[in-house]
Amino acid sequence: MSEQMESLLAGMVDAGCRAEEIEKAERILQAGRLSELTRFLKQCRCGLLDRMHESQKRVDLMDYLIRKTENQSIK
């Protein structure tokens, strides 16, 4: 495996990509289909953004619950 491929796959791991996404990226890269790899990486990025937005919604809900609890204890 080339150093460039190892670096790309390690970056995907660090970015939080799923194992199946990393394996697919590896297959695409090994086949030398760089434009397809670029499209696939953009899809992975969208998936990460979706997961981030879901996490943000959960954080916002926790903030709401904290404020609600603090307001009830003040009264």
PDB file of N, CA and C in Angstrom:
ATOM      1  N   MET A   1       0.859  -1.179   0.000  1.00  0.00           N
ATOM      2  CA  MET A   1       0.000   0.000   0.000  1.00  0.00           C
ATOM      3  C   MET A   1       0.899   1.235   0.000  1.00  0.00           C
ATOM      4  N   SER A   2       0.588   2.191  -0.846  1.00  0.00           N
ATOM      5  CA  SER A   2       1.414   3.386  -0.953  1.00  0.00           C
ATOM      6  C   SER A   2       1.217   4.298   0.259  1.00  0.00           C
ATOM      7  N   GLU A   3       2.193   5.159   0.438  1.00  0.00           N
ATOM      8  CA  GLU A   3       2.113   6.105   1.551  1.00  0.00           C
ATOM      9  C   GLU A   3       0.928   7.056   1.378  1.00  0.00           C
ATOM     10  N   GLN A   4       0.650   7.441   0.126  1.00  0.00           N
ATOM     11  CA  GLN A   4      -0.481   8.327  -0.157  1.00  0.00           C
ATOM     12  C   GLN A   4      -1.795   7.650   0.213  1.00  0.00           C
ATOM     13  N   MET A   5      -1.928   6.361  -0.131  1.00  0.00           N
ATOM     14  CA  MET A   5      -3.152   5.624   0.184  1.00  0.00           C
ATOM     15  C   MET A   5      -3.299   5.479   1.690  1.00  0.00           C
ATOM     16  N   GLU A   6      -2.209   5.148   2.363  1.00  0.00           N
ATOM     17  CA  GLU A   6      -2.259   4.995   3.822  1.00  0.00           C
ATOM     18  C   GLU A   6      -2.661   6.304   4.488  1.00  0.00           C
ATOM     19  N   SER A   7      -2.131   7.411   3.969  1.00  0.00           N
ATOM     20  CA  SER A   7      -2.448   8.722   4.526  1.00  0.00           C
ATOM     21  C   SER A   7      -3.925   9.053   4.335  1.00  0.00           C
ATOM     22  N   LEU A   8      -4.457   8.768   3.153  1.00  0.00           N
ATOM     23  CA  LEU A   8      -5.862   9.029   2.875  1.00  0.00           C
ATOM     24  C   LEU A   8      -6.764   8.201   3.794  1.00  0.00           C
ATOM     25  N   LEU A   9      -6.466   6.924   3.900  1.00  0.00           N
ATOM     26  CA  LEU A   9      -7.300   6.046   4.720  1.00  0.00           C
ATOM     27  C   LEU A   9      -7.200   6.406   6.199  1.00  0.00           C
ATOM     28  N   ALA A  10      -5.999   6.775   6.646  1.00  0.00           N
ATOM     29  CA  ALA A  10      -5.832   7.195   8.040  1.00  0.00           C
ATOM     30  C   ALA A  10      -6.619   8.480   8.299  1.00  0.00           C
ATOM     31  N   GLY A  11      -6.619   9.367   7.322  1.00  0.00           N
ATOM     32  CA  GLY A  11      -7.394  10.603   7.459  1.00  0.00           C
ATOM     33  C   GLY A  11      -8.877  10.323   7.562  1.00  0.00           C
ATOM     34  N   MET A  12      -9.348   9.347   6.797  1.00  0.00           N
ATOM     35  CA  MET A  12     -10.767   8.985   6.872  1.00  0.00           C
ATOM     36  C   MET A  12     -11.102   8.421   8.239  1.00  0.00           C
ATOM     37  N   VAL A  13     -10.197   7.619   8.797  1.00  0.00           N
ATOM     38  CA  VAL A  13     -10.407   7.080  10.145  1.00  0.00           C
ATOM     39  C   VAL A  13     -10.487   8.231  11.145  1.00  0.00           C
ATOM     40  N   ASP A  14      -9.519   9.157  11.046  1.00  0.00           N
ATOM     41  CA  ASP A  14      -9.487  10.303  11.960  1.00  0.00           C
ATOM     42  C   ASP A  14     -10.733  11.174  11.829  1.00  0.00           C
ATOM     43  N   ALA A  15     -11.288  11.241  10.615  1.00  0.00           N
ATOM     44  CA  ALA A  15     -12.478  12.061  10.374  1.00  0.00           C
ATOM     45  C   ALA A  15     -13.750  11.380  10.887  1.00  0.00           C
ATOM     46  N   GLY A  16     -13.656  10.113  11.259  1.00  0.00           N
ATOM     47  CA  GLY A  16     -14.830   9.418  11.793  1.00  0.00           C
ATOM     48  C   GLY A  16     -15.627   8.666  10.752  1.00  0.00           C
ATOM     49  N   CYS A  17     -15.018   8.387   9.606  1.00  0.00           N
ATOM     50  CA  CYS A  17     -15.724   7.620   8.576  1.00  0.00           C
ATOM     51  C   CYS A  17     -15.927   6.185   9.051  1.00  0.00           C
ATOM     52  N   ARG A  18     -16.973   5.577   8.549  1.00  0.00           N
ATOM     53  CA  ARG A  18     -17.293   4.197   8.908  1.00  0.00           C
ATOM     54  C   ARG A  18     -16.356   3.235   8.183  1.00  0.00           C
ATOM     55  N   ALA A  19     -16.179   2.047   8.762  1.00  0.00           N
ATOM     56  CA  ALA A  19     -15.262   1.048   8.199  1.00  0.00           C
ATOM     57  C   ALA A  19     -15.624   0.700   6.756  1.00  0.00           C
ATOM     58  N   GLU A  20     -16.917   0.563   6.476  1.00  0.00           N
ATOM     59  CA  GLU A  20     -17.313   0.197   5.112  1.00  0.00           C
ATOM     60  C   GLU A  20     -17.010   1.326   4.123  1.00  0.00           C
ATOM     61  N   GLU A  21     -17.073   2.574   4.575  1.00  0.00           N
ATOM     62  CA  GLU A  21     -16.729   3.704   3.714  1.00  0.00           C
ATOM     63  C   GLU A  21     -15.228   3.694   3.401  1.00  0.00           C
ATOM     64  N   ILE A  22     -14.438   3.395   4.411  1.00  0.00           N
ATOM     65  CA  ILE A  22     -12.987   3.354   4.241  1.00  0.00           C
ATOM     66  C   ILE A  22     -12.600   2.231   3.291  1.00  0.00           C
ATOM     67  N   GLU A  23     -13.234   1.083   3.448  1.00  0.00           N
ATOM     68  CA  GLU A  23     -12.953  -0.047   2.563  1.00  0.00           C
ATOM     69  C   GLU A  23     -13.327   0.283   1.119  1.00  0.00           C
ATOM     70  N   LYS A  24     -14.457   0.946   0.930  1.00  0.00           N
ATOM     71  CA  LYS A  24     -14.866   1.317  -0.421  1.00  0.00           C
ATOM     72  C   LYS A  24     -13.891   2.321  -1.020  1.00  0.00           C
ATOM     73  N   ALA A  25     -13.468   3.294  -0.240  1.00  0.00           N
ATOM     74  CA  ALA A  25     -12.498   4.276  -0.723  1.00  0.00           C
ATOM     75  C   ALA A  25     -11.199   3.589  -1.129  1.00  0.00           C
ATOM     76  N   GLU A  26     -10.785   2.602  -0.356  1.00  0.00           N
ATOM     77  CA  GLU A  26      -9.566   1.859  -0.670  1.00  0.00           C
ATOM     78  C   GLU A  26      -9.703   1.129  -2.004  1.00  0.00           C
ATOM     79  N   ARG A  27     -10.857   0.497  -2.234  1.00  0.00           N
ATOM     80  CA  ARG A  27     -11.081  -0.213  -3.500  1.00  0.00           C
ATOM     81  C   ARG A  27     -11.066   0.761  -4.679  1.00  0.00           C
ATOM     82  N   ILE A  28     -11.713   1.897  -4.520  1.00  0.00           N
ATOM     83  CA  ILE A  28     -11.754   2.899  -5.588  1.00  0.00           C
ATOM     84  C   ILE A  28     -10.345   3.411  -5.885  1.00  0.00           C
ATOM     85  N   LEU A  29      -9.582   3.684  -4.818  1.00  0.00           N
ATOM     86  CA  LEU A  29      -8.227   4.184  -4.984  1.00  0.00           C
ATOM     87  C   LEU A  29      -7.325   3.151  -5.651  1.00  0.00           C
ATOM     88  N   GLN A  30      -7.462   1.911  -5.237  1.00  0.00           N
ATOM     89  CA  GLN A  30      -6.658   0.846  -5.843  1.00  0.00           C
ATOM     90  C   GLN A  30      -6.961   0.700  -7.333  1.00  0.00           C
ATOM     91  N   ALA A  31      -8.197   0.982  -7.710  1.00  0.00           N
ATOM     92  CA  ALA A  31      -8.582   0.901  -9.121  1.00  0.00           C
ATOM     93  C   ALA A  31      -8.129   2.141  -9.900  1.00  0.00           C
ATOM     94  N   GLY A  32      -7.636   3.147  -9.195  1.00  0.00           N
ATOM     95  CA  GLY A  32      -7.133   4.341  -9.849  1.00  0.00           C
ATOM     96  C   GLY A  32      -8.204   5.282 -10.365  1.00  0.00           C
ATOM     97  N   ARG A  33      -9.408   5.162  -9.830  1.00  0.00           N
ATOM     98  CA  ARG A  33     -10.522   6.013 -10.283  1.00  0.00           C
ATOM     99  C   ARG A  33     -10.627   7.239  -9.366  1.00  0.00           C
ATOM    100  N   LEU A  34      -9.746   8.195  -9.610  1.00  0.00           N
ATOM    101  CA  LEU A  34      -9.626   9.344  -8.713  1.00  0.00           C
ATOM    102  C   LEU A  34     -10.843  10.258  -8.736  1.00  0.00           C
ATOM    103  N   SER A  35     -11.462  10.443  -9.897  1.00  0.00           N
ATOM    104  CA  SER A  35     -12.649  11.307  -9.925  1.00  0.00           C
ATOM    105  C   SER A  35     -13.796  10.658  -9.154  1.00  0.00           C
ATOM    106  N   GLU A  36     -13.904   9.339  -9.248  1.00  0.00           N
ATOM    107  CA  GLU A  36     -14.921   8.628  -8.459  1.00  0.00           C
ATOM    108  C   GLU A  36     -14.608   8.723  -6.975  1.00  0.00           C
ATOM    109  N   LEU A  37     -13.329   8.673  -6.636  1.00  0.00           N
ATOM    110  CA  LEU A  37     -12.921   8.789  -5.227  1.00  0.00           C
ATOM    111  C   LEU A  37     -13.303  10.161  -4.684  1.00  0.00           C
ATOM    112  N   THR A  38     -13.073  11.197  -5.481  1.00  0.00           N
ATOM    113  CA  THR A  38     -13.442  12.547  -5.054  1.00  0.00           C
ATOM    114  C   THR A  38     -14.938  12.638  -4.785  1.00  0.00           C
ATOM    115  N   ARG A  39     -15.744  12.104  -5.702  1.00  0.00           N
ATOM    116  CA  ARG A  39     -17.208  12.118  -5.492  1.00  0.00           C
ATOM    117  C   ARG A  39     -17.576  11.350  -4.232  1.00  0.00           C
ATOM    118  N   PHE A  40     -16.947  10.191  -4.032  1.00  0.00           N
ATOM    119  CA  PHE A  40     -17.254   9.372  -2.864  1.00  0.00           C
ATOM    120  C   PHE A  40     -16.864  10.086  -1.574  1.00  0.00           C
ATOM    121  N   LEU A  41     -15.705  10.734  -1.564  1.00  0.00           N
ATOM    122  CA  LEU A  41     -15.287  11.472  -0.369  1.00  0.00           C
ATOM    123  C   LEU A  41     -16.259  12.604  -0.052  1.00  0.00           C
ATOM    124  N   LYS A  42     -16.787  13.243  -1.079  1.00  0.00           N
ATOM    125  CA  LYS A  42     -17.786  14.291  -0.865  1.00  0.00           C
ATOM    126  C   LYS A  42     -19.067  13.701  -0.272  1.00  0.00           C
ATOM    127  N   GLN A  43     -19.439  12.505  -0.706  1.00  0.00           N
ATOM    128  CA  GLN A  43     -20.606  11.831  -0.122  1.00  0.00           C
ATOM    129  C   GLN A  43     -20.354  11.524   1.350  1.00  0.00           C
ATOM    130  N   CYS A  44     -19.141  11.048   1.644  1.00  0.00           N
ATOM    131  CA  CYS A  44     -18.789  10.755   3.043  1.00  0.00           C
ATOM    132  C   CYS A  44     -18.862  12.022   3.885  1.00  0.00           C
ATOM    133  N   ARG A  45     -18.402  13.121   3.313  1.00  0.00           N
ATOM    134  CA  ARG A  45     -18.445  14.407   4.017  1.00  0.00           C
ATOM    135  C   ARG A  45     -19.885  14.790   4.339  1.00  0.00           C
ATOM    136  N   CYS A  46     -20.773  14.599   3.389  1.00  0.00           N
ATOM    137  CA  CYS A  46     -22.188  14.907   3.626  1.00  0.00           C
ATOM    138  C   CYS A  46     -22.745  14.050   4.757  1.00  0.00           C
ATOM    139  N   GLY A  47     -22.358  12.783   4.773  1.00  0.00           N
ATOM    140  CA  GLY A  47     -22.798  11.895   5.846  1.00  0.00           C
ATOM    141  C   GLY A  47     -22.292  12.360   7.202  1.00  0.00           C
ATOM    142  N   LEU A  48     -21.039  12.797   7.241  1.00  0.00           N
ATOM    143  CA  LEU A  48     -20.492  13.316   8.496  1.00  0.00           C
ATOM    144  C   LEU A  48     -21.239  14.573   8.940  1.00  0.00           C
ATOM    145  N   LEU A  49     -21.563  15.435   7.988  1.00  0.00           N
ATOM    146  CA  LEU A  49     -22.329  16.643   8.328  1.00  0.00           C
ATOM    147  C   LEU A  49     -23.705  16.290   8.871  1.00  0.00           C
ATOM    148  N   ASP A  50     -24.357  15.309   8.255  1.00  0.00           N
ATOM    149  CA  ASP A  50     -25.662  14.871   8.753  1.00  0.00           C
ATOM    150  C   ASP A  50     -25.558  14.377  10.186  1.00  0.00           C
ATOM    151  N   ARG A  51     -24.523  13.572  10.469  1.00  0.00           N
ATOM    152  CA  ARG A  51     -24.339  13.064  11.831  1.00  0.00           C
ATOM    153  C   ARG A  51     -24.029  14.202  12.792  1.00  0.00           C
ATOM    154  N   MET A  52     -23.260  15.190  12.329  1.00  0.00           N
ATOM    155  CA  MET A  52     -22.948  16.334  13.173  1.00  0.00           C
ATOM    156  C   MET A  52     -24.218  17.121  13.506  1.00  0.00           C
ATOM    157  N   HIS A  53     -25.079  17.311  12.507  1.00  0.00           N
ATOM    158  CA  HIS A  53     -26.325  18.041  12.751  1.00  0.00           C
ATOM    159  C   HIS A  53     -27.223  17.288  13.731  1.00  0.00           C
ATOM    160  N   GLU A  54     -27.258  15.975  13.615  1.00  0.00           N
ATOM    161  CA  GLU A  54     -28.044  15.180  14.567  1.00  0.00           C
ATOM    162  C   GLU A  54     -27.477  15.328  15.975  1.00  0.00           C
ATOM    163  N   SER A  55     -26.164  15.309  16.090  1.00  0.00           N
ATOM    164  CA  SER A  55     -25.538  15.501  17.402  1.00  0.00           C
ATOM    165  C   SER A  55     -25.844  16.885  17.953  1.00  0.00           C
ATOM    166  N   GLN A  56     -25.821  17.891  17.075  1.00  0.00           N
ATOM    167  CA  GLN A  56     -26.120  19.250  17.510  1.00  0.00           C
ATOM    168  C   GLN A  56     -27.551  19.350  18.030  1.00  0.00           C
ATOM    169  N   LYS A  57     -28.479  18.660  17.385  1.00  0.00           N
ATOM    170  CA  LYS A  57     -29.868  18.659  17.861  1.00  0.00           C
ATOM    171  C   LYS A  57     -29.954  18.064  19.264  1.00  0.00           C
ATOM    172  N   ARG A  58     -29.188  16.993  19.507  1.00  0.00           N
ATOM    173  CA  ARG A  58     -29.205  16.379  20.839  1.00  0.00           C
ATOM    174  C   ARG A  58     -28.595  17.314  21.875  1.00  0.00           C
ATOM    175  N   VAL A  59     -27.520  18.014  21.499  1.00  0.00           N
ATOM    176  CA  VAL A  59     -26.901  18.979  22.412  1.00  0.00           C
ATOM    177  C   VAL A  59     -27.878  20.111  22.708  1.00  0.00           C
ATOM    178  N   ASP A  60     -28.553  20.606  21.681  1.00  0.00           N
ATOM    179  CA  ASP A  60     -29.545  21.670  21.889  1.00  0.00           C
ATOM    180  C   ASP A  60     -30.652  21.208  22.835  1.00  0.00           C
ATOM    181  N   LEU A  61     -31.087  19.978  22.686  1.00  0.00           N
ATOM    182  CA  LEU A  61     -32.122  19.445  23.579  1.00  0.00           C
ATOM    183  C   LEU A  61     -31.607  19.379  25.009  1.00  0.00           C
ATOM    184  N   MET A  62     -30.366  18.940  25.189  1.00  0.00           N
ATOM    185  CA  MET A  62     -29.803  18.891  26.539  1.00  0.00           C
ATOM    186  C   MET A  62     -29.705  20.298  27.131  1.00  0.00           C
ATOM    187  N   ASP A  63     -29.312  21.275  26.320  1.00  0.00           N
ATOM    188  CA  ASP A  63     -29.256  22.665  26.806  1.00  0.00           C
ATOM    189  C   ASP A  63     -30.633  23.126  27.265  1.00  0.00           C
ATOM    190  N   TYR A  64     -31.650  22.786  26.482  1.00  0.00           N
ATOM    191  CA  TYR A  64     -33.024  23.141  26.850  1.00  0.00           C
ATOM    192  C   TYR A  64     -33.406  22.500  28.184  1.00  0.00           C
ATOM    193  N   LEU A  65     -33.091  21.215  28.331  1.00  0.00           N
ATOM    194  CA  LEU A  65     -33.435  20.511  29.567  1.00  0.00           C
ATOM    195  C   LEU A  65     -32.700  21.101  30.766  1.00  0.00           C
ATOM    196  N   ILE A  66     -31.460  21.486  30.556  1.00  0.00           N
ATOM    197  CA  ILE A  66     -30.682  22.113  31.640  1.00  0.00           C
ATOM    198  C   ILE A  66     -31.315  23.442  32.038  1.00  0.00           C
ATOM    199  N   ARG A  67     -31.633  24.277  31.047  1.00  0.00           N
ATOM    200  CA  ARG A  67     -32.261  25.572  31.356  1.00  0.00           C
ATOM    201  C   ARG A  67     -33.597  25.375  32.057  1.00  0.00           C
ATOM    202  N   LYS A  68     -34.376  24.432  31.580  1.00  0.00           N
ATOM    203  CA  LYS A  68     -35.682  24.172  32.177  1.00  0.00           C
ATOM    204  C   LYS A  68     -35.524  23.735  33.630  1.00  0.00           C
ATOM    205  N   THR A  69     -34.566  22.870  33.893  1.00  0.00           N
ATOM    206  CA  THR A  69     -34.331  22.393  35.262  1.00  0.00           C
ATOM    207  C   THR A  69     -33.829  23.514  36.150  1.00  0.00           C
ATOM    208  N   GLU A  70     -32.920  24.342  35.634  1.00  0.00           N
ATOM    209  CA  GLU A  70     -32.399  25.464  36.417  1.00  0.00           C
ATOM    210  C   GLU A  70     -33.518  26.456  36.738  1.00  0.00           C
ATOM    211  N   ASN A  71     -34.379  26.727  35.790  1.00  0.00           N
ATOM    212  CA  ASN A  71     -35.492  27.665  36.032  1.00  0.00           C
ATOM    213  C   ASN A  71     -36.466  27.123  37.060  1.00  0.00           C
ATOM    214  N   GLN A  72     -36.694  25.836  37.079  1.00  0.00           N
ATOM    215  CA  GLN A  72     -37.621  25.238  38.053  1.00  0.00           C
ATOM    216  C   GLN A  72     -37.016  25.278  39.448  1.00  0.00           C
ATOM    217  N   SER A  73     -35.716  25.123  39.569  1.00  0.00           N
ATOM    218  CA  SER A  73     -35.111  25.117  40.893  1.00  0.00           C
ATOM    219  C   SER A  73     -35.009  26.523  41.481  1.00  0.00           C
ATOM    220  N   ILE A  74     -35.028  27.534  40.624  1.00  0.00           N
ATOM    221  CA  ILE A  74     -34.974  28.919  41.096  1.00  0.00           C
ATOM    222  C   ILE A  74     -36.320  29.334  41.698  1.00  0.00           C
ATOM    223  N   LYS A  75     -37.400  28.869  41.147  1.00  0.00           N
ATOM    224  CA  LYS A  75     -38.752  29.276  41.588  1.00  0.00           C
ATOM    225  C   LYS A  75     -39.147  28.676  42.880  1.00  0.00           C
TER     226      LYS A  75
END
